PDB file of N, CA and C in Angstrom:
ATOM      1  N   MET A   1      -4.499  21.265   0.935  1.00  0.00           N
ATOM      2  CA  MET A   1      -3.304  20.448   0.823  1.00  0.00           C
ATOM      3  C   MET A   1      -3.304  19.551  -0.400  1.00  0.00           C
ATOM      4  N   THR A   2      -4.456  19.319  -0.992  1.00  0.00           N
ATOM      5  CA  THR A   2      -4.471  18.437  -2.153  1.00  0.00           C
ATOM      6  C   THR A   2      -3.688  19.020  -3.307  1.00  0.00           C
ATOM      7  N   SER A   3      -3.644  20.333  -3.420  1.00  0.00           N
ATOM      8  CA  SER A   3      -2.858  20.953  -4.489  1.00  0.00           C
ATOM      9  C   SER A   3      -1.377  20.607  -4.328  1.00  0.00           C
ATOM     10  N   PHE A   4      -0.898  20.697  -3.093  1.00  0.00           N
ATOM     11  CA  PHE A   4       0.492  20.339  -2.820  1.00  0.00           C
ATOM     12  C   PHE A   4       0.735  18.858  -3.092  1.00  0.00           C
ATOM     13  N   ASP A   5      -0.173  18.004  -2.662  1.00  0.00           N
ATOM     14  CA  ASP A   5      -0.042  16.562  -2.883  1.00  0.00           C
ATOM     15  C   ASP A   5      -0.062  16.231  -4.370  1.00  0.00           C
ATOM     16  N   ASP A   6      -0.915  16.907  -5.116  1.00  0.00           N
ATOM     17  CA  ASP A   6      -0.971  16.688  -6.563  1.00  0.00           C
ATOM     18  C   ASP A   6       0.345  17.077  -7.225  1.00  0.00           C
ATOM     19  N   ARG A   7       0.904  18.207  -6.813  1.00  0.00           N
ATOM     20  CA  ARG A   7       2.188  18.655  -7.367  1.00  0.00           C
ATOM     21  C   ARG A   7       3.295  17.668  -7.016  1.00  0.00           C
ATOM     22  N   LYS A   8       3.277  17.198  -5.776  1.00  0.00           N
ATOM     23  CA  LYS A   8       4.280  16.231  -5.327  1.00  0.00           C
ATOM     24  C   LYS A   8       4.175  14.936  -6.143  1.00  0.00           C
ATOM     25  N   ASP A   9       2.963  14.443  -6.322  1.00  0.00           N
ATOM     26  CA  ASP A   9       2.752  13.219  -7.101  1.00  0.00           C
ATOM     27  C   ASP A   9       3.185  13.404  -8.552  1.00  0.00           C
ATOM     28  N   ALA A  10       2.869  14.555  -9.121  1.00  0.00           N
ATOM     29  CA  ALA A  10       3.258  14.843 -10.508  1.00  0.00           C
ATOM     30  C   ALA A  10       4.780  14.893 -10.640  1.00  0.00           C
ATOM     31  N   PHE A  11       5.437  15.503  -9.661  1.00  0.00           N
ATOM     32  CA  PHE A  11       6.896  15.576  -9.682  1.00  0.00           C
ATOM     33  C   PHE A  11       7.503  14.179  -9.587  1.00  0.00           C
ATOM     34  N   GLU A  12       6.973  13.362  -8.696  1.00  0.00           N
ATOM     35  CA  GLU A  12       7.496  12.002  -8.539  1.00  0.00           C
ATOM     36  C   GLU A  12       7.275  11.182  -9.806  1.00  0.00           C
ATOM     37  N   THR A  13       6.139  11.325 -10.438  1.00  0.00           N
ATOM     38  CA  THR A  13       5.850  10.613 -11.678  1.00  0.00           C
ATOM     39  C   THR A  13       6.812  11.049 -12.780  1.00  0.00           C
ATOM     40  N   LYS A  14       7.036  12.350 -12.875  1.00  0.00           N
ATOM     41  CA  LYS A  14       7.967  12.865 -13.887  1.00  0.00           C
ATOM     42  C   LYS A  14       9.381  12.349 -13.632  1.00  0.00           C
ATOM     43  N   HIS A  15       9.776  12.315 -12.376  1.00  0.00           N
ATOM     44  CA  HIS A  15      11.115  11.827 -12.031  1.00  0.00           C
ATOM     45  C   HIS A  15      11.278  10.358 -12.446  1.00  0.00           C
ATOM     46  N   VAL A  16      10.275   9.547 -12.172  1.00  0.00           N
ATOM     47  CA  VAL A  16      10.321   8.136 -12.551  1.00  0.00           C
ATOM     48  C   VAL A  16      10.426   8.001 -14.070  1.00  0.00           C
ATOM     49  N   ARG A  17       9.633   8.774 -14.799  1.00  0.00           N
ATOM     50  CA  ARG A  17       9.685   8.721 -16.269  1.00  0.00           C
ATOM     51  C   ARG A  17      11.041   9.171 -16.797  1.00  0.00           C
ATOM     52  N   ASP A  18      11.591  10.244 -16.213  1.00  0.00           N
ATOM     53  CA  ASP A  18      12.902  10.744 -16.642  1.00  0.00           C
ATOM     54  C   ASP A  18      13.998   9.705 -16.402  1.00  0.00           C
ATOM     55  N   GLU A  19      13.961   9.035 -15.251  1.00  0.00           N
ATOM     56  CA  GLU A  19      14.954   8.003 -14.945  1.00  0.00           C
ATOM     57  C   GLU A  19      14.819   6.816 -15.895  1.00  0.00           C
ATOM     58  N   GLU A  20      13.590   6.435 -16.187  1.00  0.00           N
ATOM     59  CA  GLU A  20      13.364   5.331 -17.124  1.00  0.00           C
ATOM     60  C   GLU A  20      13.886   5.688 -18.511  1.00  0.00           C
ATOM     61  N   MET A  21      13.637   6.918 -18.947  1.00  0.00           N
ATOM     62  CA  MET A  21      14.111   7.349 -20.264  1.00  0.00           C
ATOM     63  C   MET A  21      15.638   7.390 -20.296  1.00  0.00           C
ATOM     64  N   ALA A  22      16.263   7.870 -19.230  1.00  0.00           N
ATOM     65  CA  ALA A  22      17.731   7.902 -19.171  1.00  0.00           C
ATOM     66  C   ALA A  22      18.301   6.494 -19.267  1.00  0.00           C
ATOM     67  N   PHE A  23      17.669   5.534 -18.593  1.00  0.00           N
ATOM     68  CA  PHE A  23      18.113   4.143 -18.658  1.00  0.00           C
ATOM     69  C   PHE A  23      17.980   3.610 -20.079  1.00  0.00           C
ATOM     70  N   ARG A  24      16.857   3.886 -20.729  1.00  0.00           N
ATOM     71  CA  ARG A  24      16.625   3.396 -22.086  1.00  0.00           C
ATOM     72  C   ARG A  24      17.611   4.028 -23.072  1.00  0.00           C
ATOM     73  N   ILE A  25      17.902   5.307 -22.894  1.00  0.00           N
ATOM     74  CA  ILE A  25      18.862   5.980 -23.778  1.00  0.00           C
ATOM     75  C   ILE A  25      20.243   5.370 -23.611  1.00  0.00           C
ATOM     76  N   THR A  26      20.658   5.127 -22.378  1.00  0.00           N
ATOM     77  CA  THR A  26      21.978   4.537 -22.133  1.00  0.00           C
ATOM     78  C   THR A  26      22.063   3.125 -22.691  1.00  0.00           C
ATOM     79  N   ALA A  27      21.020   2.335 -22.505  1.00  0.00           N
ATOM     80  CA  ALA A  27      21.017   0.973 -23.053  1.00  0.00           C
ATOM     81  C   ALA A  27      21.082   1.014 -24.576  1.00  0.00           C
ATOM     82  N   ARG A  28      20.332   1.925 -25.196  1.00  0.00           N
ATOM     83  CA  ARG A  28      20.368   2.054 -26.667  1.00  0.00           C
ATOM     84  C   ARG A  28      21.756   2.508 -27.116  1.00  0.00           C
ATOM     85  N   ARG A  29      22.339   3.452 -26.388  1.00  0.00           N
ATOM     86  CA  ARG A  29      23.693   3.918 -26.726  1.00  0.00           C
ATOM     87  C   ARG A  29      24.681   2.764 -26.671  1.00  0.00           C
ATOM     88  N   ASN A  30      24.586   1.943 -25.642  1.00  0.00           N
ATOM     89  CA  ASN A  30      25.506   0.817 -25.510  1.00  0.00           C
ATOM     90  C   ASN A  30      25.327  -0.175 -26.650  1.00  0.00           C
ATOM     91  N   ARG A  31      24.098  -0.379 -27.071  1.00  0.00           N
ATOM     92  CA  ARG A  31      23.839  -1.279 -28.196  1.00  0.00           C
ATOM     93  C   ARG A  31      24.448  -0.702 -29.477  1.00  0.00           C
ATOM     94  N   LEU A  32      24.271   0.596 -29.675  1.00  0.00           N
ATOM     95  CA  LEU A  32      24.821   1.247 -30.871  1.00  0.00           C
ATOM     96  C   LEU A  32      26.350   1.236 -30.880  1.00  0.00           C
ATOM     97  N   VAL A  33      26.956   1.492 -29.733  1.00  0.00           N
ATOM     98  CA  VAL A  33      28.418   1.486 -29.678  1.00  0.00           C
ATOM     99  C   VAL A  33      28.935   0.057 -29.802  1.00  0.00           C
ATOM    100  N   GLY A  34      28.147  -0.909 -29.340  1.00  0.00           N
ATOM    101  CA  GLY A  34      28.514  -2.308 -29.552  1.00  0.00           C
ATOM    102  C   GLY A  34      28.524  -2.652 -31.034  1.00  0.00           C
ATOM    103  N   ALA A  35      27.543  -2.135 -31.770  1.00  0.00           N
ATOM    104  CA  ALA A  35      27.494  -2.358 -33.224  1.00  0.00           C
ATOM    105  C   ALA A  35      28.682  -1.681 -33.906  1.00  0.00           C
ATOM    106  N   TRP A  36      29.043  -0.492 -33.429  1.00  0.00           N
ATOM    107  CA  TRP A  36      30.211   0.220 -33.969  1.00  0.00           C
ATOM    108  C   TRP A  36      31.477  -0.610 -33.764  1.00  0.00           C
ATOM    109  N   ALA A  37      31.658  -1.124 -32.546  1.00  0.00           N
ATOM    110  CA  ALA A  37      32.843  -1.924 -32.242  1.00  0.00           C
ATOM    111  C   ALA A  37      32.838  -3.228 -33.029  1.00  0.00           C
ATOM    112  N   ALA A  38      31.669  -3.846 -33.158  1.00  0.00           N
ATOM    113  CA  ALA A  38      31.566  -5.102 -33.914  1.00  0.00           C
ATOM    114  C   ALA A  38      31.961  -4.885 -35.373  1.00  0.00           C
ATOM    115  N   GLN A  39      31.568  -3.749 -35.925  1.00  0.00           N
ATOM    116  CA  GLN A  39      31.957  -3.438 -37.300  1.00  0.00           C
ATOM    117  C   GLN A  39      33.473  -3.286 -37.410  1.00  0.00           C
ATOM    118  N   GLN A  40      34.084  -2.628 -36.408  1.00  0.00           N
ATOM    119  CA  GLN A  40      35.541  -2.467 -36.391  1.00  0.00           C
ATOM    120  C   GLN A  40      36.249  -3.820 -36.344  1.00  0.00           C
ATOM    121  N   MET A  41      35.616  -4.779 -35.635  1.00  0.00           N
ATOM    122  CA  MET A  41      36.220  -6.105 -35.470  1.00  0.00           C
ATOM    123  C   MET A  41      35.852  -7.059 -36.601  1.00  0.00           C
ATOM    124  N   GLY A  42      34.952  -6.639 -37.482  1.00  0.00           N
ATOM    125  CA  GLY A  42      34.568  -7.486 -38.604  1.00  0.00           C
ATOM    126  C   GLY A  42      33.698  -8.669 -38.216  1.00  0.00           C
ATOM    127  N   LEU A  43      32.819  -8.493 -37.240  1.00  0.00           N
ATOM    128  CA  LEU A  43      31.963  -9.582 -36.791  1.00  0.00           C
ATOM    129  C   LEU A  43      30.795  -9.817 -37.760  1.00  0.00           C
ATOM    130  N   THR A  44      30.297 -11.031 -37.776  1.00  0.00           N
ATOM    131  CA  THR A  44      29.130 -11.375 -38.592  1.00  0.00           C
ATOM    132  C   THR A  44      27.879 -10.758 -37.946  1.00  0.00           C
ATOM    133  N   PRO A  45      26.754 -10.716 -38.668  1.00  0.00           N
ATOM    134  CA  PRO A  45      25.529 -10.168 -38.068  1.00  0.00           C
ATOM    135  C   PRO A  45      25.104 -10.885 -36.782  1.00  0.00           C
ATOM    136  N   GLU A  46      25.249 -12.201 -36.751  1.00  0.00           N
ATOM    137  CA  GLU A  46      24.891 -12.950 -35.553  1.00  0.00           C
ATOM    138  C   GLU A  46      25.829 -12.614 -34.397  1.00  0.00           C
ATOM    139  N   GLU A  47      27.112 -12.548 -34.707  1.00  0.00           N
ATOM    140  CA  GLU A  47      28.100 -12.193 -33.684  1.00  0.00           C
ATOM    141  C   GLU A  47      27.883 -10.755 -33.203  1.00  0.00           C
ATOM    142  N   THR A  48      27.511  -9.887 -34.126  1.00  0.00           N
ATOM    143  CA  THR A  48      27.258  -8.489 -33.776  1.00  0.00           C
ATOM    144  C   THR A  48      26.104  -8.381 -32.796  1.00  0.00           C
ATOM    145  N   ASP A  49      25.032  -9.111 -33.057  1.00  0.00           N
ATOM    146  CA  ASP A  49      23.878  -9.076 -32.156  1.00  0.00           C
ATOM    147  C   ASP A  49      24.265  -9.540 -30.757  1.00  0.00           C
ATOM    148  N   ALA A  50      24.992 -10.641 -30.683  1.00  0.00           N
ATOM    149  CA  ALA A  50      25.433 -11.161 -29.385  1.00  0.00           C
ATOM    150  C   ALA A  50      26.386 -10.182 -28.697  1.00  0.00           C
ATOM    151  N   TYR A  51      27.259  -9.564 -29.470  1.00  0.00           N
ATOM    152  CA  TYR A  51      28.224  -8.625 -28.902  1.00  0.00           C
ATOM    153  C   TYR A  51      27.516  -7.383 -28.357  1.00  0.00           C
ATOM    154  N   CYS A  52      26.530  -6.892 -29.089  1.00  0.00           N
ATOM    155  CA  CYS A  52      25.774  -5.726 -28.615  1.00  0.00           C
ATOM    156  C   CYS A  52      25.106  -6.022 -27.277  1.00  0.00           C
ATOM    157  N   LYS A  53      24.547  -7.200 -27.145  1.00  0.00           N
ATOM    158  CA  LYS A  53      23.920  -7.601 -25.876  1.00  0.00           C
ATOM    159  C   LYS A  53      24.967  -7.675 -24.765  1.00  0.00           C
ATOM    160  N   ALA A  54      26.161  -8.156 -25.085  1.00  0.00           N
ATOM    161  CA  ALA A  54      27.230  -8.252 -24.093  1.00  0.00           C
ATOM    162  C   ALA A  54      27.679  -6.867 -23.632  1.00  0.00           C
ATOM    163  N   VAL A  55      27.703  -5.903 -24.543  1.00  0.00           N
ATOM    164  CA  VAL A  55      28.086  -4.533 -24.168  1.00  0.00           C
ATOM    165  C   VAL A  55      27.024  -3.935 -23.243  1.00  0.00           C
ATOM    166  N   VAL A  56      25.758  -4.156 -23.557  1.00  0.00           N
ATOM    167  CA  VAL A  56      24.685  -3.663 -22.685  1.00  0.00           C
ATOM    168  C   VAL A  56      24.823  -4.291 -21.296  1.00  0.00           C
ATOM    169  N   GLN A  57      25.083  -5.592 -21.244  1.00  0.00           N
ATOM    170  CA  GLN A  57      25.254  -6.291 -19.959  1.00  0.00           C
ATOM    171  C   GLN A  57      26.460  -5.766 -19.187  1.00  0.00           C
ATOM    172  N   ALA A  58      27.522  -5.415 -19.896  1.00  0.00           N
ATOM    173  CA  ALA A  58      28.740  -4.936 -19.238  1.00  0.00           C
ATOM    174  C   ALA A  58      28.486  -3.664 -18.440  1.00  0.00           C
ATOM    175  N   ASP A  59      27.498  -2.891 -18.855  1.00  0.00           N
ATOM    176  CA  ASP A  59      27.218  -1.627 -18.176  1.00  0.00           C
ATOM    177  C   ASP A  59      26.644  -1.834 -16.780  1.00  0.00           C
ATOM    178  N   PHE A  60      26.214  -3.042 -16.459  1.00  0.00           N
ATOM    179  CA  PHE A  60      25.644  -3.310 -15.146  1.00  0.00           C
ATOM    180  C   PHE A  60      26.696  -3.688 -14.109  1.00  0.00           C
ATOM    181  N   GLU A  61      27.969  -3.762 -14.512  1.00  0.00           N
ATOM    182  CA  GLU A  61      29.026  -4.175 -13.590  1.00  0.00           C
ATOM    183  C   GLU A  61      29.317  -3.124 -12.529  1.00  0.00           C
ATOM    184  N   GLU A  62      29.298  -1.848 -12.917  1.00  0.00           N
ATOM    185  CA  GLU A  62      29.567  -0.768 -11.970  1.00  0.00           C
ATOM    186  C   GLU A  62      28.907   0.509 -12.475  1.00  0.00           C
ATOM    187  N   ALA A  63      28.770   1.475 -11.606  1.00  0.00           N
ATOM    188  CA  ALA A  63      28.169   2.745 -11.989  1.00  0.00           C
ATOM    189  C   ALA A  63      29.107   3.493 -12.947  1.00  0.00           C
ATOM    190  N   GLY A  64      28.518   4.225 -13.869  1.00  0.00           N
ATOM    191  CA  GLY A  64      29.304   5.001 -14.815  1.00  0.00           C
ATOM    192  C   GLY A  64      29.631   4.210 -16.066  1.00  0.00           C
ATOM    193  N   ASP A  65      30.465   4.801 -16.893  1.00  0.00           N
ATOM    194  CA  ASP A  65      30.788   4.212 -18.193  1.00  0.00           C
ATOM    195  C   ASP A  65      32.097   3.444 -18.216  1.00  0.00           C
ATOM    196  N   GLU A  66      32.834   3.427 -17.119  1.00  0.00           N
ATOM    197  CA  GLU A  66      34.163   2.807 -17.126  1.00  0.00           C
ATOM    198  C   GLU A  66      34.121   1.330 -17.487  1.00  0.00           C
ATOM    199  N   ASP A  67      33.096   0.621 -17.044  1.00  0.00           N
ATOM    200  CA  ASP A  67      32.995  -0.803 -17.357  1.00  0.00           C
ATOM    201  C   ASP A  67      32.803  -1.022 -18.854  1.00  0.00           C
ATOM    202  N   VAL A  68      32.027  -0.162 -19.492  1.00  0.00           N
ATOM    203  CA  VAL A  68      31.804  -0.271 -20.940  1.00  0.00           C
ATOM    204  C   VAL A  68      33.078   0.090 -21.699  1.00  0.00           C
ATOM    205  N   VAL A  69      33.736   1.167 -21.286  1.00  0.00           N
ATOM    206  CA  VAL A  69      34.981   1.588 -21.944  1.00  0.00           C
ATOM    207  C   VAL A  69      36.023   0.481 -21.843  1.00  0.00           C
ATOM    208  N   ARG A  70      36.168  -0.096 -20.659  1.00  0.00           N
ATOM    209  CA  ARG A  70      37.137  -1.181 -20.454  1.00  0.00           C
ATOM    210  C   ARG A  70      36.843  -2.359 -21.373  1.00  0.00           C
ATOM    211  N   LYS A  71      35.570  -2.748 -21.457  1.00  0.00           N
ATOM    212  CA  LYS A  71      35.192  -3.885 -22.304  1.00  0.00           C
ATOM    213  C   LYS A  71      35.522  -3.593 -23.764  1.00  0.00           C
ATOM    214  N   LEU A  72      35.106  -2.423 -24.238  1.00  0.00           N
ATOM    215  CA  LEU A  72      35.315  -2.097 -25.644  1.00  0.00           C
ATOM    216  C   LEU A  72      36.803  -1.999 -25.993  1.00  0.00           C
ATOM    217  N   VAL A  73      37.562  -1.305 -25.173  1.00  0.00           N
ATOM    218  CA  VAL A  73      39.003  -1.181 -25.440  1.00  0.00           C
ATOM    219  C   VAL A  73      39.664  -2.554 -25.410  1.00  0.00           C
ATOM    220  N   GLY A  74      39.306  -3.378 -24.437  1.00  0.00           N
ATOM    221  CA  GLY A  74      39.892  -4.720 -24.336  1.00  0.00           C
ATOM    222  C   GLY A  74      39.525  -5.602 -25.509  1.00  0.00           C
ATOM    223  N   ASP A  75      38.243  -5.601 -25.880  1.00  0.00           N
ATOM    224  CA  ASP A  75      37.801  -6.455 -26.986  1.00  0.00           C
ATOM    225  C   ASP A  75      38.359  -5.990 -28.325  1.00  0.00           C
ATOM    226  N   LEU A  76      38.364  -4.680 -28.531  1.00  0.00           N
ATOM    227  CA  LEU A  76      38.918  -4.161 -29.791  1.00  0.00           C
ATOM    228  C   LEU A  76      40.410  -4.454 -29.879  1.00  0.00           C
ATOM    229  N   GLY A  77      41.124  -4.260 -28.784  1.00  0.00           N
ATOM    230  CA  GLY A  77      42.558  -4.558 -28.765  1.00  0.00           C
ATOM    231  C   GLY A  77      42.833  -6.028 -29.016  1.00  0.00           C
ATOM    232  N   ALA A  78      42.021  -6.903 -28.409  1.00  0.00           N
ATOM    233  CA  ALA A  78      42.197  -8.344 -28.605  1.00  0.00           C
ATOM    234  C   ALA A  78      41.922  -8.752 -30.048  1.00  0.00           C
ATOM    235  N   ALA A  79      41.078  -7.980 -30.724  1.00  0.00           N
ATOM    236  CA  ALA A  79      40.768  -8.278 -32.128  1.00  0.00           C
ATOM    237  C   ALA A  79      41.769  -7.636 -33.082  1.00  0.00           C
ATOM    238  N   GLY A  80      42.774  -6.960 -32.535  1.00  0.00           N
ATOM    239  CA  GLY A  80      43.797  -6.355 -33.369  1.00  0.00           C
ATOM    240  C   GLY A  80      43.449  -4.975 -33.890  1.00  0.00           C
ATOM    241  N   VAL A  81      42.417  -4.365 -33.343  1.00  0.00           N
ATOM    242  CA  VAL A  81      42.021  -3.011 -33.740  1.00  0.00           C
ATOM    243  C   VAL A  81      42.714  -2.029 -32.810  1.00  0.00           C
ATOM    244  N   THR A  82      43.459  -1.113 -33.380  1.00  0.00           N
ATOM    245  CA  THR A  82      44.162  -0.120 -32.589  1.00  0.00           C
ATOM    246  C   THR A  82      43.185   0.983 -32.201  1.00  0.00           C
ATOM    247  N   VAL A  83      42.904   1.065 -30.912  1.00  0.00           N
ATOM    248  CA  VAL A  83      41.975   2.069 -30.404  1.00  0.00           C
ATOM    249  C   VAL A  83      42.347   2.384 -28.959  1.00  0.00           C
ATOM    250  N   ASP A  84      42.155   3.629 -28.563  1.00  0.00           N
ATOM    251  CA  ASP A  84      42.400   3.991 -27.168  1.00  0.00           C
ATOM    252  C   ASP A  84      41.084   4.411 -26.529  1.00  0.00           C
ATOM    253  N   ASP A  85      41.139   4.642 -25.230  1.00  0.00           N
ATOM    254  CA  ASP A  85      39.896   4.962 -24.535  1.00  0.00           C
ATOM    255  C   ASP A  85      39.309   6.303 -24.979  1.00  0.00           C
ATOM    256  N   THR A  86      40.123   7.213 -25.498  1.00  0.00           N
ATOM    257  CA  THR A  86      39.603   8.483 -26.005  1.00  0.00           C
ATOM    258  C   THR A  86      38.696   8.250 -27.208  1.00  0.00           C
ATOM    259  N   ALA A  87      39.106   7.381 -28.107  1.00  0.00           N
ATOM    260  CA  ALA A  87      38.278   7.070 -29.284  1.00  0.00           C
ATOM    261  C   ALA A  87      36.983   6.376 -28.864  1.00  0.00           C
ATOM    262  N   VAL A  88      37.072   5.508 -27.879  1.00  0.00           N
ATOM    263  CA  VAL A  88      35.874   4.814 -27.395  1.00  0.00           C
ATOM    264  C   VAL A  88      34.937   5.809 -26.721  1.00  0.00           C
ATOM    265  N   ARG A  89      35.468   6.716 -25.929  1.00  0.00           N
ATOM    266  CA  ARG A  89      34.634   7.729 -25.278  1.00  0.00           C
ATOM    267  C   ARG A  89      33.972   8.640 -26.312  1.00  0.00           C
ATOM    268  N   ARG A  90      34.691   8.961 -27.362  1.00  0.00           N
ATOM    269  CA  ARG A  90      34.122   9.771 -28.438  1.00  0.00           C
ATOM    270  C   ARG A  90      32.978   9.013 -29.102  1.00  0.00           C
ATOM    271  N   ALA A  91      33.162   7.724 -29.353  1.00  0.00           N
ATOM    272  CA  ALA A  91      32.097   6.900 -29.935  1.00  0.00           C
ATOM    273  C   ALA A  91      30.903   6.830 -28.998  1.00  0.00           C
ATOM    274  N   LEU A  92      31.154   6.719 -27.699  1.00  0.00           N
ATOM    275  CA  LEU A  92      30.062   6.705 -26.727  1.00  0.00           C
ATOM    276  C   LEU A  92      29.270   8.006 -26.783  1.00  0.00           C
ATOM    277  N   ALA A  93      29.971   9.122 -26.853  1.00  0.00           N
ATOM    278  CA  ALA A  93      29.298  10.428 -26.910  1.00  0.00           C
ATOM    279  C   ALA A  93      28.470  10.558 -28.188  1.00  0.00           C
ATOM    280  N   GLU A  94      29.042  10.144 -29.312  1.00  0.00           N
ATOM    281  CA  GLU A  94      28.321  10.218 -30.590  1.00  0.00           C
ATOM    282  C   GLU A  94      27.087   9.320 -30.575  1.00  0.00           C
ATOM    283  N   GLN A  95      27.241   8.133 -30.036  1.00  0.00           N
ATOM    284  CA  GLN A  95      26.119   7.199 -30.011  1.00  0.00           C
ATOM    285  C   GLN A  95      25.061   7.611 -28.978  1.00  0.00           C
ATOM    286  N   MET A  96      25.459   8.364 -27.959  1.00  0.00           N
ATOM    287  CA  MET A  96      24.476   8.880 -26.997  1.00  0.00           C
ATOM    288  C   MET A  96      23.529   9.849 -27.695  1.00  0.00           C
ATOM    289  N   VAL A  97      24.080  10.693 -28.544  1.00  0.00           N
ATOM    290  CA  VAL A  97      23.254  11.627 -29.311  1.00  0.00           C
ATOM    291  C   VAL A  97      22.308  10.855 -30.226  1.00  0.00           C
ATOM    292  N   GLU A  98      22.836   9.849 -30.905  1.00  0.00           N
ATOM    293  CA  GLU A  98      22.013   9.042 -31.816  1.00  0.00           C
ATOM    294  C   GLU A  98      20.928   8.273 -31.051  1.00  0.00           C
ATOM    295  N   ALA A  99      21.273   7.712 -29.907  1.00  0.00           N
ATOM    296  CA  ALA A  99      20.296   6.967 -29.107  1.00  0.00           C
ATOM    297  C   ALA A  99      19.170   7.891 -28.652  1.00  0.00           C
ATOM    298  N   ARG A 100      19.524   9.076 -28.200  1.00  0.00           N
ATOM    299  CA  ARG A 100      18.515  10.041 -27.759  1.00  0.00           C
ATOM    300  C   ARG A 100      17.604  10.409 -28.938  1.00  0.00           C
ATOM    301  N   ARG A 101      18.204  10.644 -30.103  1.00  0.00           N
ATOM    302  CA  ARG A 101      17.420  10.997 -31.285  1.00  0.00           C
ATOM    303  C   ARG A 101      16.447   9.865 -31.653  1.00  0.00           C
ATOM    304  N   GLN A 102      16.953   8.635 -31.641  1.00  0.00           N
ATOM    305  CA  GLN A 102      16.105   7.495 -31.994  1.00  0.00           C
ATOM    306  C   GLN A 102      14.935   7.337 -31.041  1.00  0.00           C
ATOM    307  N   LEU A 103      15.183   7.476 -29.758  1.00  0.00           N
ATOM    308  CA  LEU A 103      14.118   7.294 -28.780  1.00  0.00           C
ATOM    309  C   LEU A 103      13.132   8.458 -28.788  1.00  0.00           C
ATOM    310  N   MET A 104      13.584   9.642 -29.125  1.00  0.00           N
ATOM    311  CA  MET A 104      12.663  10.777 -29.222  1.00  0.00           C
ATOM    312  C   MET A 104      11.745  10.631 -30.435  1.00  0.00           C
ATOM    313  N   GLU A 105      12.253  10.014 -31.495  1.00  0.00           N
ATOM    314  CA  GLU A 105      11.423   9.785 -32.688  1.00  0.00           C
ATOM    315  C   GLU A 105      10.310   8.781 -32.409  1.00  0.00           C
ATOM    316  N   VAL A 106      10.557   7.850 -31.511  1.00  0.00           N
ATOM    317  CA  VAL A 106       9.590   6.804 -31.190  1.00  0.00           C
ATOM    318  C   VAL A 106       8.408   7.381 -30.420  1.00  0.00           C
ATOM    319  N   LYS A 107       8.656   8.371 -29.595  1.00  0.00           N
ATOM    320  CA  LYS A 107       7.600   8.962 -28.755  1.00  0.00           C
ATOM    321  C   LYS A 107       6.441   9.426 -29.520  1.00  0.00           C
TER     322      LYS A 107
END
């Protein structure tokens, strides 16, 4: 039975690592898309850093990306930047690829 237990433990360890990596990729993506939005709004470097942190925090409001999309569309619109949720979703997808690439390089 130890062979089965070893396989079970290995699977559980891999699952934990995969979930942690998915969380880190999503957080990095949110930071990158926050920087993208900050550039669109013309924020200073200090404001950009704070805004990126706010976008990462916004993702904890509910499951999925809707909370982030809502924040970005609302903030960009309030800053006078014409953008719709399709453009924000496209930016999220592009930044997800970049976040994954960045984190894979670190490994």
